[in-house]
Amino acid sequence: MKIAVIAGENEKEELLANGVMANTEILWINSPEKVPADCDCCIDLLFSNDPVRIQALSSLKNPLVIVNAVTNTLAGFPGHFIRINGWPSFLKRDTIEASCTLESMKVIAEEIFACFNKKISWTPDTPGFVSARIISTIINEAYLAWGEEVSTKAEIDTAMKSGTNYPYGPFEWSDKIGLALVYHLLKTLSEKNKRYEPAEKLTKEVFTL
């Protein structure tokens, strides 16, 4: 299996967290223009939802293109595109959330991620998948509590880790993911459901970073 991966050092480390199966050739590159035509798949972990990037990926000759697109859905994308939850701290998990529009792509994608000793959990093609939406909601609630001076950030993080056995508290998680990513997902979700409206403190922090 020959796989081209567009990634930075952090994405590379998380993707390789479970090792790589034998007979897997990985090409680490930094742009779609460098993807060889003979690769079985291109994984773009640095994907941005802009027309130039999408056009470059769409023009590839590879049978499967996998993009790290947590907020954006596959609407308007070619059928051989699959989106995954590649947010920081999620990519290193044993199971990766993914969505696709063509059933025939699922088997290929599962074979690709098996090369990294990972499984795929197929979810509906909606913003945030499942886990990113839940974690973003928890982070938002933590900012609401902090804004109401219920407790400090450190105390909320400690309480969450102790009470839920999560690996990180909500503020720690927002630092790892990137608060701007959380904000944009919440804003997208709030277009259909106002309960996802970003907390005032969260919004202020994003725009003062």
Foldseek 3Di string as FASTA:
>chain_A
DEEEEADDPQLVCLLLLQHFDPPYHYHYDHALVPDDLPGQEYEYAPDDPDPVRLVSNLPHNHQAYEYAAQADFCVPHDQRYKYWPSFFPQSNDQEIEIEGDDPVNQVVVQVVSVRSNHGYDYAYRHHRGPVRVVLLLQLQVLQVCVVVVVDHQVVQFVCCCVVPVDPTGSVVVCVRRPLVVSQVNLVSVCVPPVSSHHDPRSVVVNVVD
